Amino acid sequence: MEKVQKLYRHPLYRECLEKNKKAEETRIFCKHGMEHFMDVARIAYILSVDRAYAVSKEIIYAAALLHDIGKWKQYEDGTPHEKASADLAEQILAASGFSEEDQAQVLDAILKHRKKGKQKEENPLAELLYDADKLPVSYTHLRAHETRHDLV
């Protein structure tokens, strides 16, 4: 998972984590930081094993750690966060040593992580990312829905 470590240490990644944190500092629930990214990574990996998908752990973790990295951009100027995240991820993946094929797979999954579709046939990673992103229903998520706090 050496490339994932490089990704995590990349200055642009660190900067975007901070921008997400700052953009969501007034939110009570559903923040897009490392806790969410790691929840998604772990769940996606478990799903891949359960479904016997041939997707490497490193690729799953890369996609999960990057899928919402551009969320701050959505708050800032309305750019859909899957697009902003894919644009940022492209730079980070290349600098972290991922092959062009792996980059394409991760970027496609990020772009598709908000809509259910035919991901399994096209890109199993996209299906895993979509499903894992919807599953981390923690107590705080449930409370957010019950109290109808801002969930943007």
C-alpha atoms as a PDB file:
ATOM      1  CA  MET A   1       0.000   0.000   0.000  1.00  0.00           C
ATOM      2  CA  GLU A   2       3.027   2.218  -0.615  1.00  0.00           C
ATOM      3  CA  LYS A   3       1.214   4.257  -3.284  1.00  0.00           C
ATOM      4  CA  VAL A   4      -1.696   4.905  -0.929  1.00  0.00           C
ATOM      5  CA  GLN A   5       0.790   6.207   1.643  1.00  0.00           C
ATOM      6  CA  LYS A   6       2.240   8.546  -1.001  1.00  0.00           C
ATOM      7  CA  LEU A   7      -1.268   9.677  -1.863  1.00  0.00           C
ATOM      8  CA  TYR A   8      -2.020  10.401   1.796  1.00  0.00           C
ATOM      9  CA  ARG A   9       1.178  12.414   2.197  1.00  0.00           C
ATOM     10  CA  HIS A  10       0.745  14.357  -1.049  1.00  0.00           C
ATOM     11  CA  PRO A  11       0.612  18.124  -0.339  1.00  0.00           C
ATOM     12  CA  LEU A  12      -2.489  18.664  -2.506  1.00  0.00           C
ATOM     13  CA  TYR A  13      -4.306  15.837  -0.715  1.00  0.00           C
ATOM     14  CA  ARG A  14      -3.428  17.313   2.687  1.00  0.00           C
ATOM     15  CA  GLU A  15      -4.516  20.758   1.519  1.00  0.00           C
ATOM     16  CA  CYS A  16      -7.863  19.435   0.303  1.00  0.00           C
ATOM     17  CA  LEU A  17      -8.461  17.574   3.568  1.00  0.00           C
ATOM     18  CA  GLU A  18      -8.009  20.887   5.381  1.00  0.00           C
ATOM     19  CA  LYS A  19     -10.290  22.698   2.932  1.00  0.00           C
ATOM     20  CA  ASN A  20     -13.008  20.062   3.461  1.00  0.00           C
ATOM     21  CA  LYS A  21     -12.608  20.417   7.220  1.00  0.00           C
ATOM     22  CA  LYS A  22     -12.863  24.198   7.076  1.00  0.00           C
ATOM     23  CA  ALA A  23     -15.833  24.142   4.678  1.00  0.00           C
ATOM     24  CA  GLU A  24     -17.700  21.784   7.018  1.00  0.00           C
ATOM     25  CA  GLU A  25     -16.677  23.209  10.373  1.00  0.00           C
ATOM     26  CA  THR A  26     -20.228  24.325  11.166  1.00  0.00           C
ATOM     27  CA  ARG A  27     -21.774  21.011  10.196  1.00  0.00           C
ATOM     28  CA  ILE A  28     -22.717  18.736  13.049  1.00  0.00           C
ATOM     29  CA  PHE A  29     -22.974  15.495  11.048  1.00  0.00           C
ATOM     30  CA  CYS A  30     -21.796  13.799   7.857  1.00  0.00           C
ATOM     31  CA  LYS A  31     -18.384  15.354   7.415  1.00  0.00           C
ATOM     32  CA  HIS A  32     -16.103  14.423   4.516  1.00  0.00           C
ATOM     33  CA  GLY A  33     -12.764  13.780   6.179  1.00  0.00           C
ATOM     34  CA  MET A  34     -10.541  10.837   7.005  1.00  0.00           C
ATOM     35  CA  GLU A  35     -13.132   9.092   9.191  1.00  0.00           C
ATOM     36  CA  HIS A  36     -15.588   8.944   6.296  1.00  0.00           C
ATOM     37  CA  PHE A  37     -12.881   8.067   3.761  1.00  0.00           C
ATOM     38  CA  MET A  38     -11.589   5.194   5.888  1.00  0.00           C
ATOM     39  CA  ASP A  39     -15.126   3.913   6.570  1.00  0.00           C
ATOM     40  CA  VAL A  40     -15.746   3.810   2.830  1.00  0.00           C
ATOM     41  CA  ALA A  41     -12.376   2.145   2.153  1.00  0.00           C
ATOM     42  CA  ARG A  42     -12.912  -0.602   4.710  1.00  0.00           C
ATOM     43  CA  ILE A  43     -16.480  -1.306   3.623  1.00  0.00           C
ATOM     44  CA  ALA A  44     -15.529  -1.327  -0.076  1.00  0.00           C
ATOM     45  CA  TYR A  45     -12.714  -3.779   0.633  1.00  0.00           C
ATOM     46  CA  ILE A  46     -15.017  -6.085   2.615  1.00  0.00           C
ATOM     47  CA  LEU A  47     -17.583  -5.941  -0.192  1.00  0.00           C
ATOM     48  CA  SER A  48     -14.905  -6.769  -2.782  1.00  0.00           C
ATOM     49  CA  VAL A  49     -13.848  -9.863  -0.827  1.00  0.00           C
ATOM     50  CA  ASP A  50     -17.459 -10.896  -0.254  1.00  0.00           C
ATOM     51  CA  ARG A  51     -18.313 -10.467  -3.943  1.00  0.00           C
ATOM     52  CA  ALA A  52     -15.028 -12.011  -5.116  1.00  0.00           C
ATOM     53  CA  TYR A  53     -14.161  -8.987  -7.256  1.00  0.00           C
ATOM     54  CA  ALA A  54     -10.645  -8.828  -8.636  1.00  0.00           C
ATOM     55  CA  VAL A  55      -9.924  -5.298  -7.440  1.00  0.00           C
ATOM     56  CA  SER A  56      -6.770  -4.708  -5.448  1.00  0.00           C
ATOM     57  CA  LYS A  57      -6.874  -3.350  -1.925  1.00  0.00           C
ATOM     58  CA  GLU A  58      -4.574  -0.503  -2.960  1.00  0.00           C
ATOM     59  CA  ILE A  59      -6.918   0.620  -5.749  1.00  0.00           C
ATOM     60  CA  ILE A  60      -9.956   0.386  -3.443  1.00  0.00           C
ATOM     61  CA  TYR A  61      -8.257   2.489  -0.769  1.00  0.00           C
ATOM     62  CA  ALA A  62      -7.055   5.042  -3.327  1.00  0.00           C
ATOM     63  CA  ALA A  63     -10.589   5.495  -4.689  1.00  0.00           C
ATOM     64  CA  ALA A  64     -12.109   5.724  -1.208  1.00  0.00           C
ATOM     65  CA  LEU A  65      -9.558   8.245   0.043  1.00  0.00           C
ATOM     66  CA  LEU A  66     -10.107  10.453  -3.000  1.00  0.00           C
ATOM     67  CA  HIS A  67     -13.820  10.131  -3.784  1.00  0.00           C
ATOM     68  CA  ASP A  68     -14.923  13.230  -1.803  1.00  0.00           C
ATOM     69  CA  ILE A  69     -11.637  15.143  -1.678  1.00  0.00           C
ATOM     70  CA  GLY A  70     -13.172  17.956  -3.746  1.00  0.00           C
ATOM     71  CA  LYS A  71     -16.258  18.407  -1.573  1.00  0.00           C
ATOM     72  CA  TRP A  72     -15.001  21.870  -0.502  1.00  0.00           C
ATOM     73  CA  LYS A  73     -15.168  22.973  -4.137  1.00  0.00           C
ATOM     74  CA  GLN A  74     -18.882  22.189  -4.247  1.00  0.00           C
ATOM     75  CA  TYR A  75     -19.420  24.459  -1.254  1.00  0.00           C
ATOM     76  CA  GLU A  76     -17.170  27.144  -2.718  1.00  0.00           C
ATOM     77  CA  ASP A  77     -18.452  27.457  -6.284  1.00  0.00           C
ATOM     78  CA  GLY A  78     -21.096  24.777  -6.898  1.00  0.00           C
ATOM     79  CA  THR A  79     -18.860  22.381  -8.845  1.00  0.00           C
ATOM     80  CA  PRO A  80     -20.318  18.866  -8.436  1.00  0.00           C
ATOM     81  CA  HIS A  81     -17.989  17.231  -5.936  1.00  0.00           C
ATOM     82  CA  GLU A  82     -17.505  14.065  -7.982  1.00  0.00           C
ATOM     83  CA  LYS A  83     -16.109  16.208 -10.822  1.00  0.00           C
ATOM     84  CA  ALA A  84     -13.968  18.337  -8.494  1.00  0.00           C
ATOM     85  CA  SER A  85     -12.710  15.212  -6.717  1.00  0.00           C
ATOM     86  CA  ALA A  86     -11.805  13.478  -9.983  1.00  0.00           C
ATOM     87  CA  ASP A  87      -9.929  16.561 -11.215  1.00  0.00           C
ATOM     88  CA  LEU A  88      -7.909  16.763  -7.999  1.00  0.00           C
ATOM     89  CA  ALA A  89      -7.414  12.988  -7.832  1.00  0.00           C
ATOM     90  CA  GLU A  90      -5.892  12.912 -11.302  1.00  0.00           C
ATOM     91  CA  GLN A  91      -2.929  15.009 -10.138  1.00  0.00           C
ATOM     92  CA  ILE A  92      -2.524  13.119  -6.866  1.00  0.00           C
ATOM     93  CA  LEU A  93      -2.718   9.631  -8.410  1.00  0.00           C
ATOM     94  CA  ALA A  94      -0.123  10.400 -11.059  1.00  0.00           C
ATOM     95  CA  ALA A  95       2.300  11.831  -8.494  1.00  0.00           C
ATOM     96  CA  SER A  96       1.753   8.820  -6.211  1.00  0.00           C
ATOM     97  CA  GLY A  97       2.928   6.307  -8.805  1.00  0.00           C
ATOM     98  CA  PHE A  98      -0.346   4.743  -9.958  1.00  0.00           C
ATOM     99  CA  SER A  99      -0.331   3.356 -13.501  1.00  0.00           C
ATOM    100  CA  GLU A 100      -2.426   5.021 -16.199  1.00  0.00           C
ATOM    101  CA  GLU A 101      -4.778   2.023 -16.139  1.00  0.00           C
ATOM    102  CA  ASP A 102      -5.233   2.252 -12.372  1.00  0.00           C
ATOM    103  CA  GLN A 103      -5.711   6.006 -12.570  1.00  0.00           C
ATOM    104  CA  ALA A 104      -8.431   5.590 -15.193  1.00  0.00           C
ATOM    105  CA  GLN A 105     -10.240   2.990 -13.076  1.00  0.00           C
ATOM    106  CA  VAL A 106     -10.130   5.159  -9.934  1.00  0.00           C
ATOM    107  CA  LEU A 107     -11.174   8.346 -11.745  1.00  0.00           C
ATOM    108  CA  ASP A 108     -14.097   6.564 -13.398  1.00  0.00           C
ATOM    109  CA  ALA A 109     -15.229   5.210 -10.012  1.00  0.00           C
ATOM    110  CA  ILE A 110     -15.032   8.676  -8.440  1.00  0.00           C
ATOM    111  CA  LEU A 111     -17.081  10.200 -11.258  1.00  0.00           C
ATOM    112  CA  LYS A 112     -19.737   7.478 -10.872  1.00  0.00           C
ATOM    113  CA  HIS A 113     -19.897   7.240  -7.074  1.00  0.00           C
ATOM    114  CA  ARG A 114     -23.103   9.265  -6.721  1.00  0.00           C
ATOM    115  CA  LYS A 115     -25.350   7.396  -9.151  1.00  0.00           C
ATOM    116  CA  LYS A 116     -26.335   3.755  -9.196  1.00  0.00           C
ATOM    117  CA  GLY A 117     -26.023   2.256 -12.643  1.00  0.00           C
ATOM    118  CA  LYS A 118     -24.325  -0.514 -14.536  1.00  0.00           C
ATOM    119  CA  GLN A 119     -21.077  -0.005 -12.670  1.00  0.00           C
ATOM    120  CA  LYS A 120     -20.428  -3.705 -12.089  1.00  0.00           C
ATOM    121  CA  GLU A 121     -20.250  -4.454 -15.806  1.00  0.00           C
ATOM    122  CA  GLU A 122     -18.293  -1.308 -16.617  1.00  0.00           C
ATOM    123  CA  ASN A 123     -16.079  -0.912 -13.554  1.00  0.00           C
ATOM    124  CA  PRO A 124     -16.534  -3.074 -10.440  1.00  0.00           C
ATOM    125  CA  LEU A 125     -14.623  -0.463  -8.424  1.00  0.00           C
ATOM    126  CA  ALA A 126     -17.367   2.076  -9.199  1.00  0.00           C
ATOM    127  CA  GLU A 127     -19.986  -0.316  -7.818  1.00  0.00           C
ATOM    128  CA  LEU A 128     -17.942  -0.944  -4.676  1.00  0.00           C
ATOM    129  CA  LEU A 129     -17.388   2.769  -4.105  1.00  0.00           C
ATOM    130  CA  TYR A 130     -21.062   3.610  -4.646  1.00  0.00           C
ATOM    131  CA  ASP A 131     -22.260   0.879  -2.284  1.00  0.00           C
ATOM    132  CA  ALA A 132     -19.636   1.563   0.386  1.00  0.00           C
ATOM    133  CA  ASP A 133     -20.335   5.295   0.325  1.00  0.00           C
ATOM    134  CA  LYS A 134     -24.005   4.620   1.082  1.00  0.00           C
ATOM    135  CA  LEU A 135     -23.444   2.045   3.861  1.00  0.00           C
ATOM    136  CA  PRO A 136     -21.576   3.862   6.667  1.00  0.00           C
ATOM    137  CA  VAL A 137     -24.731   4.661   8.572  1.00  0.00           C
ATOM    138  CA  SER A 138     -23.411   5.562  11.976  1.00  0.00           C
ATOM    139  CA  TYR A 139     -25.373   6.894  14.896  1.00  0.00           C
ATOM    140  CA  THR A 140     -24.548  10.459  13.857  1.00  0.00           C
ATOM    141  CA  HIS A 141     -25.969   9.880  10.369  1.00  0.00           C
ATOM    142  CA  LEU A 142     -29.160   8.535  11.877  1.00  0.00           C
ATOM    143  CA  ARG A 143     -29.402  11.465  14.297  1.00  0.00           C
ATOM    144  CA  ALA A 144     -28.865  13.900  11.416  1.00  0.00           C
ATOM    145  CA  HIS A 145     -31.839  12.479   9.573  1.00  0.00           C
ATOM    146  CA  GLU A 146     -33.972  12.441  12.707  1.00  0.00           C
ATOM    147  CA  THR A 147     -33.206  16.056  13.527  1.00  0.00           C
ATOM    148  CA  ARG A 148     -33.125  17.216   9.892  1.00  0.00           C
ATOM    149  CA  HIS A 149     -29.846  19.088  10.252  1.00  0.00           C
ATOM    150  CA  ASP A 150     -28.055  20.350   7.208  1.00  0.00           C
ATOM    151  CA  LEU A 151     -26.737  17.320   5.324  1.00  0.00           C
ATOM    152  CA  VAL A 152     -25.311  19.039   2.250  1.00  0.00           C
END
